[in-house]
C-alpha atoms as a PDB file:
ATOM      1  CA  UNK A   1     -19.882  10.669  17.039  1.00  0.00           C
ATOM      2  CA  UNK A   2     -17.444   7.774  17.200  1.00  0.00           C
ATOM      3  CA  UNK A   3     -13.706   7.278  16.965  1.00  0.00           C
ATOM      4  CA  UNK A   4     -12.820   5.332  13.788  1.00  0.00           C
ATOM      5  CA  UNK A   5      -9.362   3.814  13.337  1.00  0.00           C
ATOM      6  CA  UNK A   6      -7.510   2.407  10.341  1.00  0.00           C
ATOM      7  CA  UNK A   7      -7.906  -1.021  11.936  1.00  0.00           C
ATOM      8  CA  UNK A   8     -11.700  -0.566  11.951  1.00  0.00           C
ATOM      9  CA  UNK A   9     -11.625   0.249   8.252  1.00  0.00           C
ATOM     10  CA  UNK A  10      -9.284  -2.645   7.479  1.00  0.00           C
ATOM     11  CA  UNK A  11     -11.584  -5.051   9.332  1.00  0.00           C
ATOM     12  CA  UNK A  12     -14.606  -3.921   7.326  1.00  0.00           C
ATOM     13  CA  UNK A  13     -12.724  -4.184   4.033  1.00  0.00           C
ATOM     14  CA  UNK A  14     -11.311  -7.596   4.905  1.00  0.00           C
ATOM     15  CA  UNK A  15     -14.785  -8.819   5.792  1.00  0.00           C
ATOM     16  CA  UNK A  16     -16.026  -7.540   2.440  1.00  0.00           C
ATOM     17  CA  UNK A  17     -13.236  -9.393   0.654  1.00  0.00           C
ATOM     18  CA  UNK A  18     -13.762 -12.569   2.647  1.00  0.00           C
ATOM     19  CA  UNK A  19     -17.527 -12.677   2.143  1.00  0.00           C
ATOM     20  CA  UNK A  20     -17.792 -10.923  -1.216  1.00  0.00           C
ATOM     21  CA  UNK A  21     -20.303  -8.557   0.403  1.00  0.00           C
ATOM     22  CA  UNK A  22     -18.704  -5.346  -0.853  1.00  0.00           C
ATOM     23  CA  UNK A  23     -21.987  -3.450  -0.911  1.00  0.00           C
ATOM     24  CA  UNK A  24     -22.614  -4.226   2.768  1.00  0.00           C
ATOM     25  CA  UNK A  25     -19.076  -3.112   3.629  1.00  0.00           C
ATOM     26  CA  UNK A  26     -19.562   0.064   1.579  1.00  0.00           C
ATOM     27  CA  UNK A  27     -22.841   0.876   3.303  1.00  0.00           C
ATOM     28  CA  UNK A  28     -21.293   0.346   6.725  1.00  0.00           C
ATOM     29  CA  UNK A  29     -18.314   2.545   5.817  1.00  0.00           C
ATOM     30  CA  UNK A  30     -20.628   5.282   4.517  1.00  0.00           C
ATOM     31  CA  UNK A  31     -22.544   5.145   7.819  1.00  0.00           C
ATOM     32  CA  UNK A  32     -19.288   5.346   9.764  1.00  0.00           C
ATOM     33  CA  UNK A  33     -18.211   8.376   7.751  1.00  0.00           C
ATOM     34  CA  UNK A  34     -21.206  10.316   8.999  1.00  0.00           C
ATOM     35  CA  UNK A  35     -20.351   9.428  12.607  1.00  0.00           C
ATOM     36  CA  UNK A  36     -16.535   9.689  12.501  1.00  0.00           C
ATOM     37  CA  UNK A  37     -15.087  12.384  14.718  1.00  0.00           C
ATOM     38  CA  UNK A  38     -11.744  12.534  12.947  1.00  0.00           C
ATOM     39  CA  UNK A  39     -10.162  13.657  16.202  1.00  0.00           C
ATOM     40  CA  UNK A  40      -7.354  11.206  16.873  1.00  0.00           C
ATOM     41  CA  UNK A  41      -8.790   8.813  14.325  1.00  0.00           C
ATOM     42  CA  UNK A  42      -9.461   8.593  10.638  1.00  0.00           C
ATOM     43  CA  UNK A  43     -10.933  11.573   8.826  1.00  0.00           C
ATOM     44  CA  UNK A  44     -14.442  11.469   7.374  1.00  0.00           C
ATOM     45  CA  UNK A  45     -12.975  11.982   3.895  1.00  0.00           C
ATOM     46  CA  UNK A  46     -10.738   8.926   4.268  1.00  0.00           C
ATOM     47  CA  UNK A  47     -13.659   6.767   5.395  1.00  0.00           C
ATOM     48  CA  UNK A  48     -15.645   8.007   2.386  1.00  0.00           C
ATOM     49  CA  UNK A  49     -12.815   7.031   0.041  1.00  0.00           C
ATOM     50  CA  UNK A  50     -12.762   3.535   1.480  1.00  0.00           C
ATOM     51  CA  UNK A  51     -16.555   3.340   1.111  1.00  0.00           C
ATOM     52  CA  UNK A  52     -16.261   4.422  -2.514  1.00  0.00           C
ATOM     53  CA  UNK A  53     -13.712   1.707  -3.210  1.00  0.00           C
ATOM     54  CA  UNK A  54     -16.086  -0.894  -1.795  1.00  0.00           C
ATOM     55  CA  UNK A  55     -18.966   0.446  -3.900  1.00  0.00           C
ATOM     56  CA  UNK A  56     -16.722   0.078  -6.947  1.00  0.00           C
ATOM     57  CA  UNK A  57     -15.860  -3.504  -5.989  1.00  0.00           C
ATOM     58  CA  UNK A  58     -19.612  -4.092  -5.789  1.00  0.00           C
ATOM     59  CA  UNK A  59     -19.994  -2.649  -9.304  1.00  0.00           C
ATOM     60  CA  UNK A  60     -21.985   0.387  -8.161  1.00  0.00           C
ATOM     61  CA  UNK A  61     -19.897   3.056  -9.844  1.00  0.00           C
ATOM     62  CA  UNK A  62     -22.631   5.699  -9.609  1.00  0.00           C
ATOM     63  CA  UNK A  63     -22.798   5.404  -5.814  1.00  0.00           C
ATOM     64  CA  UNK A  64     -18.991   5.301  -5.681  1.00  0.00           C
ATOM     65  CA  UNK A  65     -18.857   8.573  -7.628  1.00  0.00           C
ATOM     66  CA  UNK A  66     -21.289  10.185  -5.169  1.00  0.00           C
ATOM     67  CA  UNK A  67     -19.205   9.092  -2.195  1.00  0.00           C
ATOM     68  CA  UNK A  68     -15.960  10.234  -3.833  1.00  0.00           C
ATOM     69  CA  UNK A  69     -17.528  13.645  -4.460  1.00  0.00           C
ATOM     70  CA  UNK A  70     -18.453  13.817  -0.772  1.00  0.00           C
ATOM     71  CA  UNK A  71     -14.845  13.023   0.148  1.00  0.00           C
ATOM     72  CA  UNK A  72     -13.592  15.801  -2.125  1.00  0.00           C
ATOM     73  CA  UNK A  73     -16.110  18.283  -0.702  1.00  0.00           C
ATOM     74  CA  UNK A  74     -15.210  17.261   2.851  1.00  0.00           C
ATOM     75  CA  UNK A  75     -11.593  18.231   2.241  1.00  0.00           C
ATOM     76  CA  UNK A  76     -10.274  16.161   5.146  1.00  0.00           C
ATOM     77  CA  UNK A  77      -7.058  14.167   5.247  1.00  0.00           C
ATOM     78  CA  UNK A  78      -6.969  11.421   2.620  1.00  0.00           C
ATOM     79  CA  UNK A  79      -4.561   9.077   0.921  1.00  0.00           C
ATOM     80  CA  UNK A  80      -3.682   9.764  -2.685  1.00  0.00           C
ATOM     81  CA  UNK A  81      -5.959  12.167  -4.518  1.00  0.00           C
ATOM     82  CA  UNK A  82      -9.718  11.556  -4.373  1.00  0.00           C
ATOM     83  CA  UNK A  83     -10.123  13.053  -7.843  1.00  0.00           C
ATOM     84  CA  UNK A  84      -8.318  10.020  -9.284  1.00  0.00           C
ATOM     85  CA  UNK A  85     -10.813   7.662  -7.643  1.00  0.00           C
ATOM     86  CA  UNK A  86     -13.698   9.778  -8.936  1.00  0.00           C
ATOM     87  CA  UNK A  87     -12.190   9.807 -12.423  1.00  0.00           C
ATOM     88  CA  UNK A  88     -12.018   6.006 -12.360  1.00  0.00           C
ATOM     89  CA  UNK A  89     -15.695   5.760 -11.404  1.00  0.00           C
ATOM     90  CA  UNK A  90     -16.649   8.309 -14.079  1.00  0.00           C
ATOM     91  CA  UNK A  91     -14.791   6.355 -16.753  1.00  0.00           C
ATOM     92  CA  UNK A  92     -16.681   3.231 -15.735  1.00  0.00           C
ATOM     93  CA  UNK A  93     -19.911   5.244 -16.029  1.00  0.00           C
ATOM     94  CA  UNK A  94     -18.956   6.415 -19.530  1.00  0.00           C
ATOM     95  CA  UNK A  95     -18.237  10.037 -18.567  1.00  0.00           C
ATOM     96  CA  UNK A  96     -14.908  10.316 -20.348  1.00  0.00           C
ATOM     97  CA  UNK A  97     -14.966  14.126 -20.515  1.00  0.00           C
ATOM     98  CA  UNK A  98     -15.604  14.478 -16.774  1.00  0.00           C
ATOM     99  CA  UNK A  99     -12.911  11.954 -15.935  1.00  0.00           C
ATOM    100  CA  UNK A 100     -10.298  13.502 -18.200  1.00  0.00           C
ATOM    101  CA  UNK A 101     -11.101  16.954 -16.805  1.00  0.00           C
ATOM    102  CA  UNK A 102     -10.442  15.664 -13.280  1.00  0.00           C
ATOM    103  CA  UNK A 103      -7.174  14.050 -14.336  1.00  0.00           C
ATOM    104  CA  UNK A 104      -6.105  17.327 -15.963  1.00  0.00           C
ATOM    105  CA  UNK A 105      -6.814  19.064 -12.643  1.00  0.00           C
ATOM    106  CA  UNK A 106      -4.664  16.477 -10.868  1.00  0.00           C
ATOM    107  CA  UNK A 107      -1.868  17.001 -13.398  1.00  0.00           C
ATOM    108  CA  UNK A 108      -2.070  20.781 -13.011  1.00  0.00           C
ATOM    109  CA  UNK A 109      -1.774  20.454  -9.225  1.00  0.00           C
ATOM    110  CA  UNK A 110       1.630  18.780  -9.711  1.00  0.00           C
ATOM    111  CA  UNK A 111       1.289  16.125  -7.000  1.00  0.00           C
ATOM    112  CA  UNK A 112       4.327  15.327  -4.899  1.00  0.00           C
ATOM    113  CA  UNK A 113       3.140  11.805  -4.025  1.00  0.00           C
ATOM    114  CA  UNK A 114       4.363   9.192  -6.535  1.00  0.00           C
ATOM    115  CA  UNK A 115       1.387   6.991  -5.634  1.00  0.00           C
ATOM    116  CA  UNK A 116      -0.917   9.568  -7.235  1.00  0.00           C
ATOM    117  CA  UNK A 117       0.976   9.152 -10.502  1.00  0.00           C
ATOM    118  CA  UNK A 118       0.774   5.374 -10.186  1.00  0.00           C
ATOM    119  CA  UNK A 119      -2.969   5.524  -9.518  1.00  0.00           C
ATOM    120  CA  UNK A 120      -3.600   7.719 -12.549  1.00  0.00           C
ATOM    121  CA  UNK A 121      -1.420   5.484 -14.713  1.00  0.00           C
ATOM    122  CA  UNK A 122      -3.375   2.414 -13.543  1.00  0.00           C
ATOM    123  CA  UNK A 123      -6.716   4.069 -14.270  1.00  0.00           C
ATOM    124  CA  UNK A 124      -5.595   5.111 -17.739  1.00  0.00           C
ATOM    125  CA  UNK A 125      -4.068   1.698 -18.458  1.00  0.00           C
ATOM    126  CA  UNK A 126      -7.284  -0.048 -17.473  1.00  0.00           C
ATOM    127  CA  UNK A 127      -9.236   2.422 -19.615  1.00  0.00           C
ATOM    128  CA  UNK A 128      -7.000   1.597 -22.584  1.00  0.00           C
ATOM    129  CA  UNK A 129      -5.101   4.888 -22.767  1.00  0.00           C
ATOM    130  CA  UNK A 130      -1.666   3.298 -23.031  1.00  0.00           C
ATOM    131  CA  UNK A 131       0.113   6.509 -23.974  1.00  0.00           C
ATOM    132  CA  UNK A 132      -1.475   8.345 -21.031  1.00  0.00           C
ATOM    133  CA  UNK A 133      -0.546   5.501 -18.681  1.00  0.00           C
ATOM    134  CA  UNK A 134       3.020   5.574 -19.989  1.00  0.00           C
ATOM    135  CA  UNK A 135       3.267   9.338 -19.557  1.00  0.00           C
ATOM    136  CA  UNK A 136       1.933   9.323 -15.981  1.00  0.00           C
ATOM    137  CA  UNK A 137       4.135   6.378 -14.992  1.00  0.00           C
ATOM    138  CA  UNK A 138       7.166   8.186 -16.432  1.00  0.00           C
ATOM    139  CA  UNK A 139       6.327  11.406 -14.579  1.00  0.00           C
ATOM    140  CA  UNK A 140       5.966   9.471 -11.328  1.00  0.00           C
ATOM    141  CA  UNK A 141       9.214   7.595 -11.881  1.00  0.00           C
ATOM    142  CA  UNK A 142      10.993  10.885 -12.599  1.00  0.00           C
ATOM    143  CA  UNK A 143       9.593  12.328  -9.378  1.00  0.00           C
ATOM    144  CA  UNK A 144      11.145   9.476  -7.382  1.00  0.00           C
ATOM    145  CA  UNK A 145      14.393   9.350  -9.358  1.00  0.00           C
ATOM    146  CA  UNK A 146      14.919  13.082  -8.817  1.00  0.00           C
ATOM    147  CA  UNK A 147      15.074  12.471  -5.055  1.00  0.00           C
ATOM    148  CA  UNK A 148      18.475  11.696  -3.546  1.00  0.00           C
ATOM    149  CA  UNK A 149      18.606   7.927  -3.040  1.00  0.00           C
ATOM    150  CA  UNK A 150      18.891   8.253   0.744  1.00  0.00           C
ATOM    151  CA  UNK A 151      15.650  10.329   0.828  1.00  0.00           C
ATOM    152  CA  UNK A 152      13.443   7.975  -1.215  1.00  0.00           C
ATOM    153  CA  UNK A 153      12.083   5.892   1.659  1.00  0.00           C
ATOM    154  CA  UNK A 154       8.615   4.546   0.747  1.00  0.00           C
ATOM    155  CA  UNK A 155       8.915   6.153  -2.662  1.00  0.00           C
ATOM    156  CA  UNK A 156      11.210   3.270  -3.664  1.00  0.00           C
ATOM    157  CA  UNK A 157       8.219   0.912  -3.480  1.00  0.00           C
ATOM    158  CA  UNK A 158       6.253   3.329  -5.651  1.00  0.00           C
ATOM    159  CA  UNK A 159       9.124   3.441  -8.121  1.00  0.00           C
ATOM    160  CA  UNK A 160       9.000  -0.286  -8.757  1.00  0.00           C
ATOM    161  CA  UNK A 161       5.242  -0.177  -9.356  1.00  0.00           C
ATOM    162  CA  UNK A 162       5.585   2.812 -11.663  1.00  0.00           C
ATOM    163  CA  UNK A 163       8.363   1.181 -13.670  1.00  0.00           C
ATOM    164  CA  UNK A 164       6.404  -2.074 -14.037  1.00  0.00           C
ATOM    165  CA  UNK A 165       3.301  -0.246 -15.212  1.00  0.00           C
ATOM    166  CA  UNK A 166       5.380   1.874 -17.577  1.00  0.00           C
ATOM    167  CA  UNK A 167       7.009  -1.273 -18.974  1.00  0.00           C
ATOM    168  CA  UNK A 168       3.609  -2.935 -19.580  1.00  0.00           C
ATOM    169  CA  UNK A 169       2.391   0.153 -21.412  1.00  0.00           C
ATOM    170  CA  UNK A 170       5.586   0.262 -23.500  1.00  0.00           C
ATOM    171  CA  UNK A 171       5.239  -3.402 -24.463  1.00  0.00           C
ATOM    172  CA  UNK A 172       1.580  -2.900 -25.397  1.00  0.00           C
ATOM    173  CA  UNK A 173       2.563   0.159 -27.438  1.00  0.00           C
ATOM    174  CA  UNK A 174       5.196  -1.910 -29.245  1.00  0.00           C
ATOM    175  CA  UNK A 175       8.058   0.249 -28.062  1.00  0.00           C
ATOM    176  CA  UNK A 176      11.575  -1.089 -27.451  1.00  0.00           C
ATOM    177  CA  UNK A 177      13.116  -1.209 -23.989  1.00  0.00           C
ATOM    178  CA  UNK A 178      14.769   1.956 -22.721  1.00  0.00           C
ATOM    179  CA  UNK A 179      16.849   3.152 -19.778  1.00  0.00           C
ATOM    180  CA  UNK A 180      13.871   3.102 -17.405  1.00  0.00           C
ATOM    181  CA  UNK A 181      13.209  -0.539 -18.211  1.00  0.00           C
ATOM    182  CA  UNK A 182      16.813  -1.346 -17.333  1.00  0.00           C
ATOM    183  CA  UNK A 183      16.111  -0.055 -13.806  1.00  0.00           C
ATOM    184  CA  UNK A 184      13.724  -2.989 -13.313  1.00  0.00           C
ATOM    185  CA  UNK A 185      16.583  -5.405 -13.916  1.00  0.00           C
ATOM    186  CA  UNK A 186      18.880  -3.668 -11.407  1.00  0.00           C
END
């Protein structure tokens, strides 16, 4: 067992970006996941998520889906919601029903992290579900806007991303600007 840090993961991902060898980075991350102690370091589930992202960059969505499923089964500490990552891979594999079922599960769990809403909105936007992307971006923006301004912290960064994605979806849907869009100008 070895101690894996965020810096270790960042180094592997950066190397994958620099060299274009995403598959090699993914394989190395998957190996690390099996050896990660999690104690004082990064959880196995988090390493698996990072491996899945690299498999997706390499175009191996089937292997990414496998790794995302492992992360979900592991149940360790993660960023975001691994079901969103799995849904993205499933959509790329043509499993629309499986992906939409996962996203419904995410919706039903009522996430408190605005980044989960942004991630779902991005997946749906890329998939071409503009109305779904708009809805998720709006829900995420509402989550942030419902917080007192002095308690928003990092959520303010999420808000800008959510509003921009929402605006793109609105433009693509042919809808006029609204009060949310005005927040981008503020």
